Amino acid sequence: MLTVGSKVVYPCQGPCLIGAVVQKIINDKPMSFYQLLVLNNGGANMLVPIDNVQAVGIRPLLKKSEIPELLERLSQPARSSDDRKQRARDNLKLLASGSAFDLAEIVESLTELVETKPLSFGEQKTFEKARTLLVYEISEVMGESQEAAEQQVNEALKARKERS
C-alpha cells in the first residue's frame, strides 16, 4: 500500500505525488482511489483505483544510489533491431513498463540510431517521451532542476559516444 505524500512513478506520465485517498461510488459499489498529481510541467491530476496499482505499474521513485547505475547504463553501447517495426514494438513495450532502466535503453538505442540516420516520426516521439520521463525522474530523485538532470543525461550519452 502506498502512502499519502509519497512520490511514485506512473508509467508514461513520470513522477507523481500521492495527494489523497478518494472514495467514490462506481456501479453502486464503494471504491478507493489514489489521487495522483503529476509532478512535471503538465501537473495533471489522476485517480487510480487502489486495487489496480500493481497492474498499472506504479512504482516508487528510484533511490539516489541507483542514479549512477542508470547514468552508466546510458553510457553503454546500445543494441536494437534493424527492423523499424520490430524496434517500434520493442520500444513501446519498454516505454509502457515504467522502468527507468527501460527508458534508458530506449534513449541510448535511439540516440545511437539518430547518429546514423533520421528517426521516423513515431521513433522521434518515443525518443522524446522516454528522454523527458528519464530527466523528470532523475530531477525528482536528486532534488535538482530538470536542466541539471538533462545535463547529466547528455554527459552520459556523450561518454557512450566516446567509448565506441
N, C-alpha and C. Protein backbone atom coordinates (compact mmCIF):
# COMPACT_ATOMS: atom_id res chain seq x y z
N MET A 1 0.84 -1.19 0.00
CA MET A 1 0.00 0.00 0.00
C MET A 1 0.87 1.25 0.00
N LEU A 2 0.50 2.20 -0.82
CA LEU A 2 1.23 3.45 -0.93
C LEU A 2 0.74 4.42 0.14
N THR A 3 1.55 5.41 0.45
CA THR A 3 1.16 6.37 1.49
C THR A 3 0.98 7.76 0.89
N VAL A 4 -0.01 8.47 1.43
CA VAL A 4 -0.28 9.84 1.01
C VAL A 4 0.97 10.68 1.28
N GLY A 5 1.34 11.50 0.29
CA GLY A 5 2.52 12.35 0.43
C GLY A 5 3.78 11.75 -0.16
N SER A 6 3.75 10.45 -0.50
CA SER A 6 4.94 9.85 -1.10
C SER A 6 4.93 10.08 -2.61
N LYS A 7 6.10 9.93 -3.20
CA LYS A 7 6.25 10.11 -4.65
C LYS A 7 6.42 8.75 -5.30
N VAL A 8 5.76 8.59 -6.44
CA VAL A 8 5.80 7.36 -7.20
C VAL A 8 5.98 7.71 -8.68
N VAL A 9 6.19 6.67 -9.49
CA VAL A 9 6.26 6.86 -10.94
C VAL A 9 5.08 6.14 -11.56
N TYR A 10 4.33 6.86 -12.39
CA TYR A 10 3.24 6.29 -13.15
C TYR A 10 3.76 6.13 -14.58
N PRO A 11 3.77 4.91 -15.12
CA PRO A 11 4.32 4.70 -16.47
C PRO A 11 3.72 5.67 -17.49
N CYS A 12 4.57 6.17 -18.34
CA CYS A 12 4.23 7.10 -19.42
C CYS A 12 3.79 8.47 -18.93
N GLN A 13 3.77 8.70 -17.61
CA GLN A 13 3.44 10.02 -17.05
C GLN A 13 4.61 10.59 -16.26
N GLY A 14 5.38 9.73 -15.61
CA GLY A 14 6.52 10.18 -14.84
C GLY A 14 6.21 10.29 -13.36
N PRO A 15 7.06 11.03 -12.63
CA PRO A 15 6.90 11.16 -11.19
C PRO A 15 5.58 11.83 -10.81
N CYS A 16 4.95 11.27 -9.77
CA CYS A 16 3.67 11.79 -9.26
C CYS A 16 3.73 11.85 -7.74
N LEU A 17 2.94 12.73 -7.18
CA LEU A 17 2.77 12.84 -5.74
C LEU A 17 1.42 12.25 -5.39
N ILE A 18 1.38 11.38 -4.39
CA ILE A 18 0.11 10.82 -3.94
C ILE A 18 -0.53 11.87 -3.04
N GLY A 19 -1.64 12.44 -3.53
CA GLY A 19 -2.28 13.54 -2.83
C GLY A 19 -3.25 13.10 -1.75
N ALA A 20 -4.07 12.11 -2.05
CA ALA A 20 -5.09 11.69 -1.09
C ALA A 20 -5.64 10.35 -1.52
N VAL A 21 -6.38 9.75 -0.62
CA VAL A 21 -7.17 8.56 -0.96
C VAL A 21 -8.61 9.07 -1.06
N VAL A 22 -9.21 8.83 -2.23
CA VAL A 22 -10.55 9.34 -2.52
C VAL A 22 -11.52 8.17 -2.61
N GLN A 23 -12.67 8.35 -2.00
CA GLN A 23 -13.72 7.32 -2.05
C GLN A 23 -14.76 7.75 -3.08
N LYS A 24 -15.15 6.83 -3.96
CA LYS A 24 -16.18 7.10 -4.97
C LYS A 24 -17.09 5.88 -5.06
N ILE A 25 -18.30 6.12 -5.52
CA ILE A 25 -19.25 5.04 -5.76
C ILE A 25 -19.27 4.78 -7.27
N ILE A 26 -18.87 3.57 -7.67
CA ILE A 26 -18.85 3.17 -9.08
C ILE A 26 -19.74 1.94 -9.21
N ASN A 27 -20.76 2.02 -10.08
CA ASN A 27 -21.71 0.91 -10.26
C ASN A 27 -22.27 0.43 -8.92
N ASP A 28 -22.65 1.39 -8.10
CA ASP A 28 -23.25 1.12 -6.78
C ASP A 28 -22.31 0.44 -5.80
N LYS A 29 -21.01 0.46 -6.08
CA LYS A 29 -20.03 -0.12 -5.16
C LYS A 29 -19.04 0.97 -4.72
N PRO A 30 -18.73 1.02 -3.44
CA PRO A 30 -17.72 1.98 -3.00
C PRO A 30 -16.32 1.52 -3.46
N MET A 31 -15.55 2.46 -3.99
CA MET A 31 -14.18 2.16 -4.43
C MET A 31 -13.23 3.22 -3.88
N SER A 32 -12.00 2.80 -3.63
CA SER A 32 -10.97 3.71 -3.15
C SER A 32 -9.97 3.97 -4.27
N PHE A 33 -9.58 5.22 -4.40
CA PHE A 33 -8.64 5.64 -5.43
C PHE A 33 -7.51 6.45 -4.81
N TYR A 34 -6.32 6.32 -5.38
CA TYR A 34 -5.24 7.25 -5.07
C TYR A 34 -5.39 8.43 -6.00
N GLN A 35 -5.30 9.63 -5.45
CA GLN A 35 -5.28 10.82 -6.27
C GLN A 35 -3.80 11.12 -6.53
N LEU A 36 -3.41 11.13 -7.80
CA LEU A 36 -2.02 11.38 -8.16
C LEU A 36 -1.90 12.72 -8.85
N LEU A 37 -0.93 13.51 -8.44
CA LEU A 37 -0.62 14.78 -9.08
C LEU A 37 0.68 14.58 -9.84
N VAL A 38 0.62 14.70 -11.16
CA VAL A 38 1.82 14.54 -11.99
C VAL A 38 2.74 15.73 -11.71
N LEU A 39 4.01 15.46 -11.41
CA LEU A 39 4.94 16.50 -10.98
C LEU A 39 5.67 17.21 -12.12
N ASN A 40 5.43 16.81 -13.35
CA ASN A 40 6.12 17.50 -14.45
C ASN A 40 5.40 18.80 -14.77
N ASN A 41 5.77 19.41 -15.86
CA ASN A 41 5.22 20.71 -16.24
C ASN A 41 3.70 20.70 -16.42
N GLY A 42 3.13 19.57 -16.83
CA GLY A 42 1.69 19.50 -17.06
C GLY A 42 0.87 19.56 -15.80
N GLY A 43 1.31 18.90 -14.74
CA GLY A 43 0.63 18.92 -13.46
C GLY A 43 -0.77 18.31 -13.48
N ALA A 44 -0.98 17.28 -14.28
CA ALA A 44 -2.29 16.64 -14.37
C ALA A 44 -2.65 15.97 -13.05
N ASN A 45 -3.93 15.76 -12.87
CA ASN A 45 -4.46 15.10 -11.70
C ASN A 45 -5.13 13.81 -12.15
N MET A 46 -4.82 12.67 -11.53
CA MET A 46 -5.40 11.39 -11.95
C MET A 46 -5.91 10.64 -10.73
N LEU A 47 -6.90 9.80 -10.97
CA LEU A 47 -7.38 8.89 -9.94
C LEU A 47 -7.07 7.47 -10.39
N VAL A 48 -6.42 6.70 -9.53
CA VAL A 48 -6.06 5.32 -9.84
C VAL A 48 -6.67 4.42 -8.77
N PRO A 49 -7.49 3.44 -9.18
CA PRO A 49 -8.06 2.52 -8.19
C PRO A 49 -6.94 1.85 -7.39
N ILE A 50 -7.09 1.83 -6.10
CA ILE A 50 -6.08 1.23 -5.23
C ILE A 50 -5.83 -0.22 -5.63
N ASP A 51 -6.88 -0.93 -6.02
CA ASP A 51 -6.74 -2.33 -6.40
C ASP A 51 -5.95 -2.52 -7.71
N ASN A 52 -5.77 -1.46 -8.49
CA ASN A 52 -5.11 -1.58 -9.80
C ASN A 52 -3.67 -1.05 -9.81
N VAL A 53 -3.15 -0.65 -8.67
CA VAL A 53 -1.82 -0.04 -8.62
C VAL A 53 -0.75 -0.94 -9.25
N GLN A 54 -0.74 -2.20 -8.88
CA GLN A 54 0.28 -3.10 -9.44
C GLN A 54 0.06 -3.35 -10.92
N ALA A 55 -1.18 -3.54 -11.32
CA ALA A 55 -1.49 -3.81 -12.74
C ALA A 55 -1.10 -2.64 -13.62
N VAL A 56 -1.26 -1.42 -13.11
CA VAL A 56 -0.92 -0.22 -13.87
C VAL A 56 0.60 -0.08 -13.97
N GLY A 57 1.33 -0.57 -12.98
CA GLY A 57 2.79 -0.49 -13.00
C GLY A 57 3.34 0.67 -12.20
N ILE A 58 2.54 1.21 -11.31
CA ILE A 58 3.03 2.30 -10.46
C ILE A 58 4.12 1.74 -9.55
N ARG A 59 5.20 2.49 -9.45
CA ARG A 59 6.34 2.05 -8.65
C ARG A 59 6.94 3.24 -7.89
N PRO A 60 7.72 2.97 -6.84
CA PRO A 60 8.41 4.05 -6.14
C PRO A 60 9.47 4.68 -7.05
N LEU A 61 9.82 5.92 -6.75
CA LEU A 61 10.94 6.55 -7.46
C LEU A 61 12.21 5.73 -7.22
N LEU A 62 13.16 5.85 -8.14
CA LEU A 62 14.46 5.23 -7.91
C LEU A 62 15.07 5.83 -6.64
N LYS A 63 16.03 5.14 -6.08
CA LYS A 63 16.79 5.68 -4.95
C LYS A 63 17.96 6.48 -5.50
N LYS A 64 18.44 7.43 -4.72
CA LYS A 64 19.60 8.22 -5.16
C LYS A 64 20.78 7.32 -5.53
N SER A 65 20.92 6.22 -4.79
CA SER A 65 22.04 5.31 -5.04
C SER A 65 21.93 4.60 -6.39
N GLU A 66 20.73 4.59 -7.00
CA GLU A 66 20.53 3.93 -8.29
C GLU A 66 20.81 4.84 -9.49
N ILE A 67 20.88 6.14 -9.25
CA ILE A 67 21.08 7.10 -10.36
C ILE A 67 22.43 6.89 -11.06
N PRO A 68 23.54 6.71 -10.34
CA PRO A 68 24.80 6.46 -11.05
C PRO A 68 24.73 5.22 -11.95
N GLU A 69 24.06 4.16 -11.49
CA GLU A 69 23.91 2.95 -12.29
C GLU A 69 23.06 3.24 -13.55
N LEU A 70 22.03 4.05 -13.38
CA LEU A 70 21.18 4.44 -14.50
C LEU A 70 21.97 5.24 -15.53
N LEU A 71 22.76 6.20 -15.06
CA LEU A 71 23.57 7.01 -15.97
C LEU A 71 24.65 6.17 -16.65
N GLU A 72 25.18 5.20 -15.92
CA GLU A 72 26.17 4.28 -16.51
C GLU A 72 25.52 3.48 -17.63
N ARG A 73 24.27 3.10 -17.43
CA ARG A 73 23.53 2.35 -18.46
C ARG A 73 23.43 3.17 -19.74
N LEU A 74 23.23 4.48 -19.59
CA LEU A 74 23.13 5.37 -20.75
C LEU A 74 24.46 5.48 -21.50
N SER A 75 25.53 5.25 -20.81
CA SER A 75 26.84 5.41 -21.44
C SER A 75 27.33 4.15 -22.16
N GLN A 76 26.52 3.08 -22.11
CA GLN A 76 26.89 1.83 -22.77
C GLN A 76 26.42 1.81 -24.22
N PRO A 77 27.15 1.13 -25.12
CA PRO A 77 26.68 0.97 -26.49
C PRO A 77 25.33 0.24 -26.50
N ALA A 78 24.48 0.60 -27.44
CA ALA A 78 23.12 0.05 -27.49
C ALA A 78 22.98 -1.04 -28.53
N ARG A 79 21.95 -1.87 -28.31
CA ARG A 79 21.58 -2.88 -29.29
C ARG A 79 20.10 -2.71 -29.58
N SER A 80 19.74 -2.64 -30.86
CA SER A 80 18.33 -2.60 -31.21
C SER A 80 18.14 -3.28 -32.56
N SER A 81 16.92 -3.63 -32.83
CA SER A 81 16.58 -4.34 -34.07
C SER A 81 16.82 -3.46 -35.28
N ASP A 82 17.23 -4.08 -36.39
CA ASP A 82 17.38 -3.35 -37.64
C ASP A 82 16.02 -3.11 -38.29
N ASP A 83 15.04 -3.91 -37.92
CA ASP A 83 13.70 -3.80 -38.47
C ASP A 83 12.95 -2.69 -37.73
N ARG A 84 12.54 -1.65 -38.45
CA ARG A 84 11.89 -0.48 -37.84
C ARG A 84 10.63 -0.87 -37.07
N LYS A 85 9.80 -1.74 -37.64
CA LYS A 85 8.56 -2.14 -36.97
C LYS A 85 8.85 -2.91 -35.68
N GLN A 86 9.82 -3.81 -35.72
CA GLN A 86 10.18 -4.56 -34.51
C GLN A 86 10.75 -3.63 -33.45
N ARG A 87 11.58 -2.69 -33.89
CA ARG A 87 12.18 -1.71 -32.98
C ARG A 87 11.08 -0.89 -32.31
N ALA A 88 10.07 -0.48 -33.09
CA ALA A 88 8.96 0.31 -32.55
C ALA A 88 8.18 -0.50 -31.52
N ARG A 89 7.90 -1.77 -31.81
CA ARG A 89 7.19 -2.63 -30.84
C ARG A 89 8.00 -2.79 -29.56
N ASP A 90 9.30 -3.05 -29.74
CA ASP A 90 10.17 -3.22 -28.57
C ASP A 90 10.19 -1.96 -27.71
N ASN A 91 10.31 -0.80 -28.36
CA ASN A 91 10.39 0.46 -27.62
C ASN A 91 9.08 0.80 -26.92
N LEU A 92 7.95 0.52 -27.56
CA LEU A 92 6.66 0.79 -26.91
C LEU A 92 6.46 -0.11 -25.69
N LYS A 93 6.92 -1.35 -25.78
CA LYS A 93 6.84 -2.26 -24.64
C LYS A 93 7.72 -1.74 -23.49
N LEU A 94 8.93 -1.28 -23.83
CA LEU A 94 9.83 -0.74 -22.81
C LEU A 94 9.24 0.53 -22.19
N LEU A 95 8.67 1.39 -23.00
CA LEU A 95 8.07 2.63 -22.51
C LEU A 95 6.93 2.34 -21.55
N ALA A 96 6.09 1.38 -21.89
CA ALA A 96 4.93 1.03 -21.07
C ALA A 96 5.31 0.36 -19.75
N SER A 97 6.52 -0.22 -19.68
CA SER A 97 6.92 -0.92 -18.45
C SER A 97 7.06 0.03 -17.27
N GLY A 98 7.40 1.29 -17.55
CA GLY A 98 7.56 2.26 -16.47
C GLY A 98 8.92 2.22 -15.80
N SER A 99 9.78 1.30 -16.19
CA SER A 99 11.11 1.17 -15.58
C SER A 99 12.05 2.26 -16.12
N ALA A 100 12.75 2.92 -15.21
CA ALA A 100 13.71 3.94 -15.63
C ALA A 100 14.84 3.31 -16.45
N PHE A 101 15.19 2.07 -16.14
CA PHE A 101 16.25 1.40 -16.89
C PHE A 101 15.78 1.05 -18.31
N ASP A 102 14.49 0.75 -18.45
CA ASP A 102 13.94 0.53 -19.80
C ASP A 102 13.90 1.84 -20.58
N LEU A 103 13.58 2.94 -19.91
CA LEU A 103 13.61 4.24 -20.57
C LEU A 103 15.03 4.55 -21.05
N ALA A 104 16.01 4.23 -20.20
CA ALA A 104 17.41 4.46 -20.58
C ALA A 104 17.78 3.63 -21.81
N GLU A 105 17.26 2.42 -21.90
CA GLU A 105 17.53 1.57 -23.06
C GLU A 105 16.98 2.21 -24.33
N ILE A 106 15.78 2.77 -24.26
CA ILE A 106 15.20 3.44 -25.41
C ILE A 106 16.05 4.64 -25.81
N VAL A 107 16.40 5.46 -24.84
CA VAL A 107 17.17 6.68 -25.11
C VAL A 107 18.52 6.34 -25.71
N GLU A 108 19.21 5.36 -25.14
CA GLU A 108 20.54 5.03 -25.68
C GLU A 108 20.45 4.44 -27.07
N SER A 109 19.49 3.56 -27.33
CA SER A 109 19.42 2.93 -28.65
C SER A 109 18.98 3.93 -29.72
N LEU A 110 18.03 4.79 -29.40
CA LEU A 110 17.60 5.77 -30.41
C LEU A 110 18.61 6.89 -30.58
N THR A 111 19.38 7.20 -29.55
CA THR A 111 20.47 8.17 -29.69
C THR A 111 21.51 7.62 -30.66
N GLU A 112 21.81 6.34 -30.50
CA GLU A 112 22.78 5.70 -31.40
C GLU A 112 22.24 5.66 -32.83
N LEU A 113 20.96 5.36 -32.98
CA LEU A 113 20.35 5.28 -34.30
C LEU A 113 20.33 6.64 -35.01
N VAL A 114 19.99 7.68 -34.28
CA VAL A 114 19.90 9.01 -34.88
C VAL A 114 21.25 9.51 -35.38
N GLU A 115 22.33 8.93 -34.88
CA GLU A 115 23.67 9.31 -35.34
C GLU A 115 23.97 8.75 -36.73
N THR A 116 23.18 7.74 -37.16
CA THR A 116 23.41 7.13 -38.47
C THR A 116 22.33 7.47 -39.49
N LYS A 117 21.10 7.76 -39.00
CA LYS A 117 20.03 8.11 -39.92
C LYS A 117 18.93 8.83 -39.16
N PRO A 118 18.07 9.57 -39.88
CA PRO A 118 16.98 10.27 -39.20
C PRO A 118 15.96 9.26 -38.63
N LEU A 119 15.38 9.62 -37.50
CA LEU A 119 14.35 8.79 -36.90
C LEU A 119 13.02 9.05 -37.60
N SER A 120 12.18 8.01 -37.63
CA SER A 120 10.82 8.20 -38.14
C SER A 120 10.08 9.10 -37.16
N PHE A 121 8.93 9.62 -37.58
CA PHE A 121 8.13 10.48 -36.70
C PHE A 121 7.80 9.77 -35.39
N GLY A 122 7.35 8.52 -35.49
CA GLY A 122 7.00 7.75 -34.30
C GLY A 122 8.18 7.51 -33.39
N GLU A 123 9.33 7.17 -33.98
CA GLU A 123 10.53 6.94 -33.16
C GLU A 123 10.98 8.24 -32.49
N GLN A 124 10.85 9.35 -33.20
CA GLN A 124 11.23 10.64 -32.62
C GLN A 124 10.35 10.96 -31.41
N LYS A 125 9.06 10.69 -31.52
CA LYS A 125 8.13 10.93 -30.40
C LYS A 125 8.46 10.00 -29.22
N THR A 126 8.72 8.74 -29.50
CA THR A 126 9.08 7.78 -28.45
C THR A 126 10.37 8.21 -27.77
N PHE A 127 11.35 8.62 -28.56
CA PHE A 127 12.64 9.08 -28.04
C PHE A 127 12.44 10.28 -27.11
N GLU A 128 11.68 11.27 -27.57
CA GLU A 128 11.46 12.47 -26.76
C GLU A 128 10.72 12.14 -25.46
N LYS A 129 9.72 11.27 -25.55
CA LYS A 129 8.94 10.88 -24.37
C LYS A 129 9.83 10.16 -23.35
N ALA A 130 10.61 9.17 -23.82
CA ALA A 130 11.48 8.40 -22.93
C ALA A 130 12.53 9.31 -22.28
N ARG A 131 13.11 10.17 -23.06
CA ARG A 131 14.14 11.08 -22.55
C ARG A 131 13.55 12.04 -21.50
N THR A 132 12.38 12.58 -21.82
CA THR A 132 11.72 13.51 -20.89
C THR A 132 11.38 12.82 -19.57
N LEU A 133 10.81 11.62 -19.63
CA LEU A 133 10.46 10.89 -18.42
C LEU A 133 11.70 10.56 -17.59
N LEU A 134 12.77 10.22 -18.26
CA LEU A 134 14.03 9.91 -17.59
C LEU A 134 14.56 11.15 -16.86
N VAL A 135 14.55 12.28 -17.55
CA VAL A 135 15.02 13.54 -16.95
C VAL A 135 14.15 13.92 -15.76
N TYR A 136 12.81 13.78 -15.89
CA TYR A 136 11.92 14.12 -14.78
C TYR A 136 12.24 13.28 -13.54
N GLU A 137 12.45 11.98 -13.75
CA GLU A 137 12.71 11.13 -12.59
C GLU A 137 14.06 11.44 -11.95
N ILE A 138 15.09 11.63 -12.75
CA ILE A 138 16.41 11.97 -12.19
C ILE A 138 16.31 13.28 -11.42
N SER A 139 15.61 14.25 -11.98
CA SER A 139 15.43 15.55 -11.32
C SER A 139 14.74 15.40 -9.97
N GLU A 140 13.66 14.63 -9.92
CA GLU A 140 12.91 14.41 -8.67
C GLU A 140 13.77 13.69 -7.63
N VAL A 141 14.44 12.62 -8.06
CA VAL A 141 15.22 11.80 -7.12
C VAL A 141 16.39 12.60 -6.54
N MET A 142 17.06 13.34 -7.42
CA MET A 142 18.25 14.07 -6.98
C MET A 142 17.91 15.43 -6.35
N GLY A 143 16.65 15.86 -6.47
CA GLY A 143 16.25 17.14 -5.90
C GLY A 143 16.92 18.31 -6.61
N GLU A 144 17.05 18.20 -7.93
CA GLU A 144 17.70 19.26 -8.70
C GLU A 144 16.81 19.66 -9.88
N SER A 145 17.23 20.70 -10.57
CA SER A 145 16.43 21.20 -11.69
C SER A 145 16.43 20.20 -12.84
N GLN A 146 15.43 20.33 -13.69
CA GLN A 146 15.37 19.47 -14.87
C GLN A 146 16.56 19.75 -15.80
N GLU A 147 17.02 20.98 -15.82
CA GLU A 147 18.18 21.33 -16.65
C GLU A 147 19.43 20.58 -16.17
N ALA A 148 19.61 20.51 -14.86
CA ALA A 148 20.77 19.79 -14.30
C ALA A 148 20.67 18.30 -14.59
N ALA A 149 19.47 17.75 -14.47
CA ALA A 149 19.27 16.33 -14.77
C ALA A 149 19.51 16.06 -16.24
N GLU A 150 19.04 16.96 -17.10
CA GLU A 150 19.25 16.79 -18.54
C GLU A 150 20.74 16.85 -18.88
N GLN A 151 21.47 17.69 -18.19
CA GLN A 151 22.91 17.78 -18.40
C GLN A 151 23.59 16.45 -18.03
N GLN A 152 23.14 15.81 -16.96
CA GLN A 152 23.70 14.51 -16.57
C GLN A 152 23.43 13.46 -17.64
N VAL A 153 22.22 13.47 -18.19
CA VAL A 153 21.87 12.53 -19.27
C VAL A 153 22.75 12.80 -20.49
N ASN A 154 22.90 14.07 -20.85
CA ASN A 154 23.73 14.44 -22.01
C ASN A 154 25.18 13.98 -21.82
N GLU A 155 25.70 14.15 -20.62
CA GLU A 155 27.08 13.74 -20.36
C GLU A 155 27.23 12.22 -20.45
N ALA A 156 26.26 11.49 -19.95
CA ALA A 156 26.31 10.02 -20.04
C ALA A 156 26.25 9.57 -21.49
N LEU A 157 25.40 10.20 -22.29
CA LEU A 157 25.30 9.84 -23.71
C LEU A 157 26.57 10.23 -24.46
N LYS A 158 27.19 11.31 -24.07
CA LYS A 158 28.45 11.73 -24.68
C LYS A 158 29.55 10.71 -24.36
N ALA A 159 29.55 10.21 -23.13
CA ALA A 159 30.53 9.19 -22.72
C ALA A 159 30.34 7.93 -23.54
N ARG A 160 29.09 7.59 -23.86
CA ARG A 160 28.79 6.41 -24.70
C ARG A 160 29.44 6.57 -26.06
N LYS A 161 29.30 7.75 -26.63
CA LYS A 161 29.85 8.02 -27.95
C LYS A 161 31.37 7.92 -27.94
N GLU A 162 31.99 8.39 -26.85
CA GLU A 162 33.45 8.36 -26.74
C GLU A 162 33.98 6.94 -26.56
N ARG A 163 33.15 6.04 -26.00
CA ARG A 163 33.56 4.64 -25.80
C ARG A 163 33.57 3.85 -27.11
N SER A 164 32.70 4.27 -28.06
CA SER A 164 32.58 3.49 -29.29
C SER A 164 33.75 3.70 -30.23
